[in-house]
Structure formats: C-alpha cells, structure tokens
PDB file of N, CA and C in Angstrom:
ATOM      1  N   MET A   1     171.374 -73.959 125.640  1.00  0.00           N
ATOM      2  CA  MET A   1     171.654 -73.124 124.398  1.00  0.00           C
ATOM      3  C   MET A   1     171.834 -71.349 124.537  1.00  0.00           C
ATOM      4  N   ASP A   2     172.467 -70.629 124.317  1.00  0.00           N
ATOM      5  CA  ASP A   2     172.808 -69.593 124.761  1.00  0.00           C
ATOM      6  C   ASP A   2     172.537 -68.682 123.010  1.00  0.00           C
ATOM      7  N   SER A   3     171.897 -67.853 123.164  1.00  0.00           N
ATOM      8  CA  SER A   3     170.926 -67.174 121.379  1.00  0.00           C
ATOM      9  C   SER A   3     171.050 -65.730 122.020  1.00  0.00           C
ATOM     10  N   SER A   4     171.845 -65.343 122.692  1.00  0.00           N
ATOM     11  CA  SER A   4     171.624 -64.571 122.424  1.00  0.00           C
ATOM     12  C   SER A   4     172.659 -63.359 121.650  1.00  0.00           C
ATOM     13  N   GLU A   5     172.535 -62.705 121.198  1.00  0.00           N
ATOM     14  CA  GLU A   5     173.764 -61.910 120.228  1.00  0.00           C
ATOM     15  C   GLU A   5     174.898 -61.233 120.899  1.00  0.00           C
ATOM     16  N   LYS A   6     176.204 -61.721 120.313  1.00  0.00           N
ATOM     17  CA  LYS A   6     177.451 -60.987 120.952  1.00  0.00           C
ATOM     18  C   LYS A   6     178.245 -60.408 119.507  1.00  0.00           C
ATOM     19  N   ILE A   7     178.081 -58.828 120.103  1.00  0.00           N
ATOM     20  CA  ILE A   7     179.259 -58.255 119.412  1.00  0.00           C
ATOM     21  C   ILE A   7     180.226 -57.960 119.734  1.00  0.00           C
ATOM     22  N   ILE A   8     181.419 -56.915 119.172  1.00  0.00           N
ATOM     23  CA  ILE A   8     183.116 -56.655 119.840  1.00  0.00           C
ATOM     24  C   ILE A   8     182.436 -55.135 119.495  1.00  0.00           C
ATOM     25  N   ILE A   9     182.693 -54.898 120.889  1.00  0.00           N
ATOM     26  CA  ILE A   9     182.957 -53.222 120.324  1.00  0.00           C
ATOM     27  C   ILE A   9     184.347 -52.364 120.716  1.00  0.00           C
ATOM     28  N   VAL A  10     184.612 -51.307 120.544  1.00  0.00           N
ATOM     29  CA  VAL A  10     186.299 -51.065 120.167  1.00  0.00           C
ATOM     30  C   VAL A  10     185.944 -49.990 121.114  1.00  0.00           C
ATOM     31  N   ASP A  11     187.126 -49.537 121.403  1.00  0.00           N
ATOM     32  CA  ASP A  11     186.248 -48.282 122.954  1.00  0.00           C
ATOM     33  C   ASP A  11     187.829 -47.216 122.190  1.00  0.00           C
ATOM     34  N   GLN A  12     187.694 -46.029 122.817  1.00  0.00           N
ATOM     35  CA  GLN A  12     188.580 -44.484 122.364  1.00  0.00           C
ATOM     36  C   GLN A  12     190.042 -45.058 121.940  1.00  0.00           C
ATOM     37  N   ASP A  13     189.933 -46.274 123.053  1.00  0.00           N
ATOM     38  CA  ASP A  13     191.553 -46.085 123.483  1.00  0.00           C
ATOM     39  C   ASP A  13     191.918 -47.909 122.215  1.00  0.00           C
ATOM     40  N   ASN A  14     191.354 -48.285 121.252  1.00  0.00           N
ATOM     41  CA  ASN A  14     191.381 -48.969 120.921  1.00  0.00           C
ATOM     42  C   ASN A  14     191.352 -50.515 121.790  1.00  0.00           C
ATOM     43  N   ASN A  15     190.256 -50.422 122.524  1.00  0.00           N
ATOM     44  CA  ASN A  15     190.620 -52.020 123.797  1.00  0.00           C
ATOM     45  C   ASN A  15     188.837 -52.355 122.787  1.00  0.00           C
ATOM     46  N   GLN A  16     188.962 -53.917 122.831  1.00  0.00           N
ATOM     47  CA  GLN A  16     188.371 -54.633 122.823  1.00  0.00           C
ATOM     48  C   GLN A  16     187.495 -54.488 123.792  1.00  0.00           C
ATOM     49  N   GLN A  17     185.590 -55.113 123.544  1.00  0.00           N
ATOM     50  CA  GLN A  17     185.386 -56.131 124.498  1.00  0.00           C
ATOM     51  C   GLN A  17     184.026 -56.341 123.913  1.00  0.00           C
ATOM     52  N   GLU A  18     183.724 -57.742 124.172  1.00  0.00           N
ATOM     53  CA  GLU A  18     182.508 -58.394 124.177  1.00  0.00           C
ATOM     54  C   GLU A  18     181.416 -57.805 124.586  1.00  0.00           C
ATOM     55  N   VAL A  19     180.542 -57.439 124.199  1.00  0.00           N
ATOM     56  CA  VAL A  19     179.021 -56.915 125.316  1.00  0.00           C
ATOM     57  C   VAL A  19     177.791 -58.493 123.913  1.00  0.00           C
ATOM     58  N   GLU A  20     177.102 -58.261 125.159  1.00  0.00           N
ATOM     59  CA  GLU A  20     175.494 -58.575 124.530  1.00  0.00           C
ATOM     60  C   GLU A  20     174.496 -57.489 124.165  1.00  0.00           C
ATOM     61  N   VAL A  21     173.779 -57.620 123.299  1.00  0.00           N
ATOM     62  CA  VAL A  21     172.792 -57.169 122.667  1.00  0.00           C
ATOM     63  C   VAL A  21     171.457 -57.078 123.140  1.00  0.00           C
ATOM     64  N   VAL A  22     170.847 -56.372 123.809  1.00  0.00           N
ATOM     65  CA  VAL A  22     169.368 -56.747 124.427  1.00  0.00           C
ATOM     66  C   VAL A  22     168.491 -56.113 123.651  1.00  0.00           C
ATOM     67  N   THR A  23     168.551 -55.491 122.811  1.00  0.00           N
ATOM     68  CA  THR A  23     167.973 -54.897 121.628  1.00  0.00           C
ATOM     69  C   THR A  23     168.531 -53.435 120.630  1.00  0.00           C
ATOM     70  N   TYR A  24     167.565 -53.345 119.731  1.00  0.00           N
ATOM     71  CA  TYR A  24     168.125 -52.042 119.260  1.00  0.00           C
ATOM     72  C   TYR A  24     166.761 -51.702 118.879  1.00  0.00           C
ATOM     73  N   LEU A  25     166.681 -49.987 119.447  1.00  0.00           N
ATOM     74  CA  LEU A  25     165.392 -49.208 119.258  1.00  0.00           C
ATOM     75  C   LEU A  25     165.912 -48.084 117.534  1.00  0.00           C
ATOM     76  N   SER A  26     164.938 -47.823 117.658  1.00  0.00           N
ATOM     77  CA  SER A  26     164.539 -46.744 116.270  1.00  0.00           C
ATOM     78  C   SER A  26     163.251 -45.437 116.750  1.00  0.00           C
ATOM     79  N   SER A  27     164.323 -44.479 116.782  1.00  0.00           N
ATOM     80  CA  SER A  27     163.538 -43.199 116.654  1.00  0.00           C
ATOM     81  C   SER A  27     162.489 -43.292 116.338  1.00  0.00           C
ATOM     82  N   LYS A  28     161.348 -42.664 117.123  1.00  0.00           N
ATOM     83  CA  LYS A  28     159.753 -42.864 116.302  1.00  0.00           C
ATOM     84  C   LYS A  28     159.653 -42.298 114.967  1.00  0.00           C
ATOM     85  N   ASP A  29     160.663 -41.193 114.225  1.00  0.00           N
ATOM     86  CA  ASP A  29     161.168 -40.622 113.146  1.00  0.00           C
ATOM     87  C   ASP A  29     161.697 -41.842 112.492  1.00  0.00           C
ATOM     88  N   HIS A  30     162.320 -42.515 113.033  1.00  0.00           N
ATOM     89  CA  HIS A  30     163.466 -43.517 112.232  1.00  0.00           C
ATOM     90  C   HIS A  30     165.052 -43.101 111.784  1.00  0.00           C
ATOM     91  N   LYS A  31     165.055 -41.608 112.707  1.00  0.00           N
ATOM     92  CA  LYS A  31     166.482 -41.288 111.927  1.00  0.00           C
ATOM     93  C   LYS A  31     167.736 -41.549 112.576  1.00  0.00           C
ATOM     94  N   ASN A  32     166.947 -41.992 114.215  1.00  0.00           N
ATOM     95  CA  ASN A  32     168.496 -42.179 115.060  1.00  0.00           C
ATOM     96  C   ASN A  32     167.979 -43.909 115.156  1.00  0.00           C
ATOM     97  N   GLN A  33     169.304 -44.156 115.393  1.00  0.00           N
ATOM     98  CA  GLN A  33     169.143 -46.197 115.723  1.00  0.00           C
ATOM     99  C   GLN A  33     170.063 -46.129 117.267  1.00  0.00           C
ATOM    100  N   TYR A  34     169.702 -46.742 117.841  1.00  0.00           N
ATOM    101  CA  TYR A  34     170.185 -47.026 119.415  1.00  0.00           C
ATOM    102  C   TYR A  34     170.474 -48.271 120.310  1.00  0.00           C
ATOM    103  N   LEU A  35     171.399 -48.719 119.960  1.00  0.00           N
ATOM    104  CA  LEU A  35     171.984 -49.903 120.881  1.00  0.00           C
ATOM    105  C   LEU A  35     171.832 -49.925 122.345  1.00  0.00           C
ATOM    106  N   VAL A  36     170.337 -51.329 122.602  1.00  0.00           N
ATOM    107  CA  VAL A  36     170.889 -51.404 124.055  1.00  0.00           C
ATOM    108  C   VAL A  36     171.473 -52.335 124.448  1.00  0.00           C
ATOM    109  N   TYR A  37     172.747 -52.427 125.057  1.00  0.00           N
ATOM    110  CA  TYR A  37     173.664 -53.499 125.494  1.00  0.00           C
ATOM    111  C   TYR A  37     173.845 -53.860 126.848  1.00  0.00           C
ATOM    112  N   THR A  38     174.816 -54.897 127.296  1.00  0.00           N
ATOM    113  CA  THR A  38     175.191 -54.755 128.850  1.00  0.00           C
ATOM    114  C   THR A  38     176.584 -55.531 128.445  1.00  0.00           C
ATOM    115  N   LYS A  39     177.562 -55.264 129.075  1.00  0.00           N
ATOM    116  CA  LYS A  39     178.620 -56.177 129.197  1.00  0.00           C
ATOM    117  C   LYS A  39     178.882 -57.121 130.697  1.00  0.00           C
ATOM    118  N   GLY A  40     177.380 -57.425 131.166  1.00  0.00           N
ATOM    119  CA  GLY A  40     177.590 -58.739 132.536  1.00  0.00           C
ATOM    120  C   GLY A  40     177.303 -58.350 133.338  1.00  0.00           C
ATOM    121  N   GLU A  41     177.915 -57.184 133.850  1.00  0.00           N
ATOM    122  CA  GLU A  41     177.983 -56.554 135.309  1.00  0.00           C
ATOM    123  C   GLU A  41     176.406 -56.593 135.921  1.00  0.00           C
ATOM    124  N   ASN A  42     176.121 -56.221 137.340  1.00  0.00           N
ATOM    125  CA  ASN A  42     175.238 -56.296 138.127  1.00  0.00           C
ATOM    126  C   ASN A  42     175.331 -54.914 138.842  1.00  0.00           C
ATOM    127  N   GLN A  43     174.259 -54.962 139.319  1.00  0.00           N
ATOM    128  CA  GLN A  43     174.472 -53.817 140.706  1.00  0.00           C
ATOM    129  C   GLN A  43     174.235 -54.542 141.574  1.00  0.00           C
ATOM    130  N   PRO A  44     174.073 -53.853 142.935  1.00  0.00           N
ATOM    131  CA  PRO A  44     174.399 -54.859 144.209  1.00  0.00           C
ATOM    132  C   PRO A  44     173.378 -55.130 144.515  1.00  0.00           C
ATOM    133  N   ASN A  45     171.927 -54.924 144.068  1.00  0.00           N
ATOM    134  CA  ASN A  45     170.717 -55.653 144.375  1.00  0.00           C
ATOM    135  C   ASN A  45     170.353 -56.912 143.052  1.00  0.00           C
ATOM    136  N   GLY A  46     171.670 -56.809 142.169  1.00  0.00           N
ATOM    137  CA  GLY A  46     171.425 -57.871 140.780  1.00  0.00           C
ATOM    138  C   GLY A  46     170.641 -57.884 139.766  1.00  0.00           C
ATOM    139  N   ASP A  47     170.413 -56.917 139.931  1.00  0.00           N
ATOM    140  CA  ASP A  47     169.609 -55.442 138.781  1.00  0.00           C
ATOM    141  C   ASP A  47     170.819 -56.085 137.716  1.00  0.00           C
ATOM    142  N   VAL A  48     170.973 -56.424 136.100  1.00  0.00           N
ATOM    143  CA  VAL A  48     172.190 -55.828 135.269  1.00  0.00           C
ATOM    144  C   VAL A  48     172.007 -54.377 134.624  1.00  0.00           C
ATOM    145  N   ILE A  49     173.255 -54.069 134.678  1.00  0.00           N
ATOM    146  CA  ILE A  49     173.040 -52.567 133.960  1.00  0.00           C
ATOM    147  C   ILE A  49     173.220 -53.502 132.657  1.00  0.00           C
ATOM    148  N   ILE A  50     172.247 -52.090 132.043  1.00  0.00           N
ATOM    149  CA  ILE A  50     172.311 -52.006 130.637  1.00  0.00           C
ATOM    150  C   ILE A  50     173.154 -50.237 130.252  1.00  0.00           C
ATOM    151  N   TYR A  51     173.536 -50.508 129.177  1.00  0.00           N
ATOM    152  CA  TYR A  51     173.607 -48.865 128.446  1.00  0.00           C
ATOM    153  C   TYR A  51     172.982 -48.786 126.960  1.00  0.00           C
ATOM    154  N   ILE A  52     173.354 -47.427 126.785  1.00  0.00           N
ATOM    155  CA  ILE A  52     172.136 -47.342 126.014  1.00  0.00           C
ATOM    156  C   ILE A  52     173.732 -46.192 125.021  1.00  0.00           C
ATOM    157  N   SER A  53     173.470 -46.376 123.555  1.00  0.00           N
ATOM    158  CA  SER A  53     174.239 -46.196 122.585  1.00  0.00           C
ATOM    159  C   SER A  53     173.508 -45.175 121.676  1.00  0.00           C
ATOM    160  N   LYS A  54     174.310 -44.174 120.750  1.00  0.00           N
ATOM    161  CA  LYS A  54     173.591 -43.914 119.864  1.00  0.00           C
ATOM    162  C   LYS A  54     174.307 -44.436 119.060  1.00  0.00           C
ATOM    163  N   MET A  55     173.619 -45.263 117.783  1.00  0.00           N
ATOM    164  CA  MET A  55     174.336 -45.867 116.691  1.00  0.00           C
ATOM    165  C   MET A  55     174.925 -44.396 115.573  1.00  0.00           C
ATOM    166  N   LYS A  56     176.091 -44.178 114.505  1.00  0.00           N
ATOM    167  CA  LYS A  56     176.316 -43.868 113.839  1.00  0.00           C
ATOM    168  C   LYS A  56     177.035 -44.378 113.012  1.00  0.00           C
ATOM    169  N   VAL A  57     176.211 -44.047 111.693  1.00  0.00           N
ATOM    170  CA  VAL A  57     176.804 -45.124 110.477  1.00  0.00           C
ATOM    171  C   VAL A  57     177.508 -44.588 109.571  1.00  0.00           C
ATOM    172  N   GLU A  58     178.284 -44.264 108.913  1.00  0.00           N
ATOM    173  CA  GLU A  58     179.349 -43.843 107.849  1.00  0.00           C
ATOM    174  C   GLU A  58     180.295 -44.703 107.311  1.00  0.00           C
ATOM    175  N   ASP A  59     179.724 -44.491 106.252  1.00  0.00           N
ATOM    176  CA  ASP A  59     181.072 -45.467 104.924  1.00  0.00           C
ATOM    177  C   ASP A  59     181.220 -47.421 105.813  1.00  0.00           C
ATOM    178  N   ASP A  60     180.013 -47.544 105.825  1.00  0.00           N
ATOM    179  CA  ASP A  60     179.739 -48.951 106.072  1.00  0.00           C
ATOM    180  C   ASP A  60     180.678 -49.253 108.035  1.00  0.00           C
ATOM    181  N   LYS A  61     181.051 -48.093 108.541  1.00  0.00           N
ATOM    182  CA  LYS A  61     181.158 -48.282 110.173  1.00  0.00           C
ATOM    183  C   LYS A  61     180.772 -47.744 110.777  1.00  0.00           C
ATOM    184  N   THR A  62     179.977 -48.606 111.833  1.00  0.00           N
ATOM    185  CA  THR A  62     179.392 -47.886 113.134  1.00  0.00           C
ATOM    186  C   THR A  62     179.962 -48.051 114.012  1.00  0.00           C
ATOM    187  N   THR A  63     179.902 -46.591 114.484  1.00  0.00           N
ATOM    188  CA  THR A  63     180.431 -45.978 116.261  1.00  0.00           C
ATOM    189  C   THR A  63     179.322 -45.819 116.869  1.00  0.00           C
ATOM    190  N   LEU A  64     179.497 -45.725 118.323  1.00  0.00           N
ATOM    191  CA  LEU A  64     178.588 -45.381 119.414  1.00  0.00           C
ATOM    192  C   LEU A  64     179.131 -43.873 119.862  1.00  0.00           C
ATOM    193  N   GLU A  65     177.845 -43.271 119.735  1.00  0.00           N
ATOM    194  CA  GLU A  65     178.114 -41.872 120.627  1.00  0.00           C
ATOM    195  C   GLU A  65     177.276 -42.285 122.229  1.00  0.00           C
ATOM    196  N   GLU A  66     177.602 -41.413 123.227  1.00  0.00           N
ATOM    197  CA  GLU A  66     176.926 -40.960 124.378  1.00  0.00           C
ATOM    198  C   GLU A  66     176.143 -40.288 123.826  1.00  0.00           C
ATOM    199  N   ILE A  67     174.709 -40.289 124.415  1.00  0.00           N
ATOM    200  CA  ILE A  67     173.412 -39.688 124.191  1.00  0.00           C
ATOM    201  C   ILE A  67     173.956 -38.635 125.370  1.00  0.00           C
ATOM    202  N   SER A  68     174.090 -37.432 124.785  1.00  0.00           N
ATOM    203  CA  SER A  68     174.236 -36.043 125.424  1.00  0.00           C
ATOM    204  C   SER A  68     173.069 -35.396 125.568  1.00  0.00           C
ATOM    205  N   ASP A  69     172.357 -35.017 124.546  1.00  0.00           N
ATOM    206  CA  ASP A  69     171.231 -33.963 124.658  1.00  0.00           C
ATOM    207  C   ASP A  69     169.579 -34.744 125.089  1.00  0.00           C
ATOM    208  N   ASP A  70     169.648 -33.197 126.441  1.00  0.00           N
ATOM    209  CA  ASP A  70     168.439 -34.217 127.441  1.00  0.00           C
ATOM    210  C   ASP A  70     167.467 -34.301 126.140  1.00  0.00           C
ATOM    211  N   ALA A  71     166.809 -33.751 125.622  1.00  0.00           N
ATOM    212  CA  ALA A  71     165.281 -34.142 125.072  1.00  0.00           C
ATOM    213  C   ALA A  71     166.027 -35.539 124.053  1.00  0.00           C
ATOM    214  N   GLU A  72     166.752 -35.755 123.742  1.00  0.00           N
ATOM    215  CA  GLU A  72     166.838 -37.102 122.865  1.00  0.00           C
ATOM    216  C   GLU A  72     167.208 -38.104 123.792  1.00  0.00           C
ATOM    217  N   TRP A  73     167.204 -37.982 125.058  1.00  0.00           N
ATOM    218  CA  TRP A  73     167.146 -39.294 125.658  1.00  0.00           C
ATOM    219  C   TRP A  73     165.966 -39.342 126.838  1.00  0.00           C
ATOM    220  N   LYS A  74     165.556 -38.606 126.863  1.00  0.00           N
ATOM    221  CA  LYS A  74     163.923 -38.453 127.652  1.00  0.00           C
ATOM    222  C   LYS A  74     163.138 -39.221 126.002  1.00  0.00           C
ATOM    223  N   ASP A  75     163.301 -38.912 125.401  1.00  0.00           N
ATOM    224  CA  ASP A  75     162.594 -39.885 124.082  1.00  0.00           C
ATOM    225  C   ASP A  75     163.407 -41.197 123.460  1.00  0.00           C
ATOM    226  N   VAL A  76     164.307 -41.663 124.031  1.00  0.00           N
ATOM    227  CA  VAL A  76     165.386 -42.821 123.929  1.00  0.00           C
ATOM    228  C   VAL A  76     164.302 -43.416 125.861  1.00  0.00           C
ATOM    229  N   GLN A  77     164.139 -42.769 126.648  1.00  0.00           N
ATOM    230  CA  GLN A  77     163.256 -43.310 127.710  1.00  0.00           C
ATOM    231  C   GLN A  77     162.334 -43.914 127.837  1.00  0.00           C
ATOM    232  N   LYS A  78     161.496 -42.652 126.802  1.00  0.00           N
ATOM    233  CA  LYS A  78     160.228 -43.146 126.505  1.00  0.00           C
ATOM    234  C   LYS A  78     159.719 -44.663 125.626  1.00  0.00           C
ATOM    235  N   LEU A  79     160.649 -44.932 124.328  1.00  0.00           N
ATOM    236  CA  LEU A  79     161.019 -46.254 123.882  1.00  0.00           C
ATOM    237  C   LEU A  79     160.882 -47.123 124.475  1.00  0.00           C
ATOM    238  N   LEU A  80     161.772 -46.983 125.959  1.00  0.00           N
ATOM    239  CA  LEU A  80     162.535 -48.486 126.816  1.00  0.00           C
ATOM    240  C   LEU A  80     161.044 -48.404 127.610  1.00  0.00           C
ATOM    241  N   LYS A  81     160.312 -47.537 127.879  1.00  0.00           N
ATOM    242  CA  LYS A  81     158.947 -47.321 128.893  1.00  0.00           C
ATOM    243  C   LYS A  81     157.640 -48.360 127.565  1.00  0.00           C
ATOM    244  N   GLU A  82     157.446 -47.790 126.630  1.00  0.00           N
ATOM    245  CA  GLU A  82     157.175 -48.902 125.448  1.00  0.00           C
ATOM    246  C   GLU A  82     157.538 -50.073 125.867  1.00  0.00           C
ATOM    247  N   ILE A  83     157.937 -50.229 124.986  1.00  0.00           N
ATOM    248  CA  ILE A  83     158.383 -51.754 125.281  1.00  0.00           C
ATOM    249  C   ILE A  83     158.708 -52.866 126.370  1.00  0.00           C
ATOM    250  N   ALA A  84     158.969 -52.161 127.301  1.00  0.00           N
ATOM    251  CA  ALA A  84     158.858 -52.355 129.012  1.00  0.00           C
ATOM    252  C   ALA A  84     157.431 -52.735 128.859  1.00  0.00           C
ATOM    253  N   ASN A  85     156.263 -52.031 128.921  1.00  0.00           N
ATOM    254  CA  ASN A  85     154.882 -52.232 129.336  1.00  0.00           C
ATOM    255  C   ASN A  85     154.320 -52.882 127.941  1.00  0.00           C
ATOM    256  N   ALA A  86     154.740 -53.369 126.405  1.00  0.00           N
ATOM    257  CA  ALA A  86     154.427 -53.896 125.811  1.00  0.00           C
ATOM    258  C   ALA A  86     153.598 -55.578 126.013  1.00  0.00           C
TER     259      ALA A  86
END
C-alpha cells in the first residue's frame, strides 16, 4: 500500500501536476516553511530528483516560491543534512 502524501501543484501557466511530498521543513526560527517534493523523476544514476520550495500562505492560499537567497539556501541545506544524519 502506498502511504505517501500526494498534492497538486499549479505552475504560473495554471498547469496542474501531482507531486509526492518528501517532507516539510521549518526554519530554526519557525518563520519560514519549505516543501520538499518529487515529481517521480530520476537522475541517470538512478537517484530520485527532489525539489525544495519556500511555502507562503496568504488568505488561506499556499503558494510555492523559489529559494533565491544564498544565505537562506544554505540554511535549508543545513536542515536537510540534520535530517539525513538523524
């Protein structure tokens, strides 16, 4: 039985895609939330490709944003390393 959580994301062109949630992350100060997900794609070596987006909630609507700040990206990488080493 497949117990993974699947959600629908909608891109800027209003195209819908079902993705599988890997995990949710929260920054140390709990000000930022992130979604780690996969589209079921694999790299040539067989590793699953994962995506990470910043979650913004406004008026009960959640949108995903690209992480464009280098310092923020490093913080997210640290969070992932903590999970991997747990």
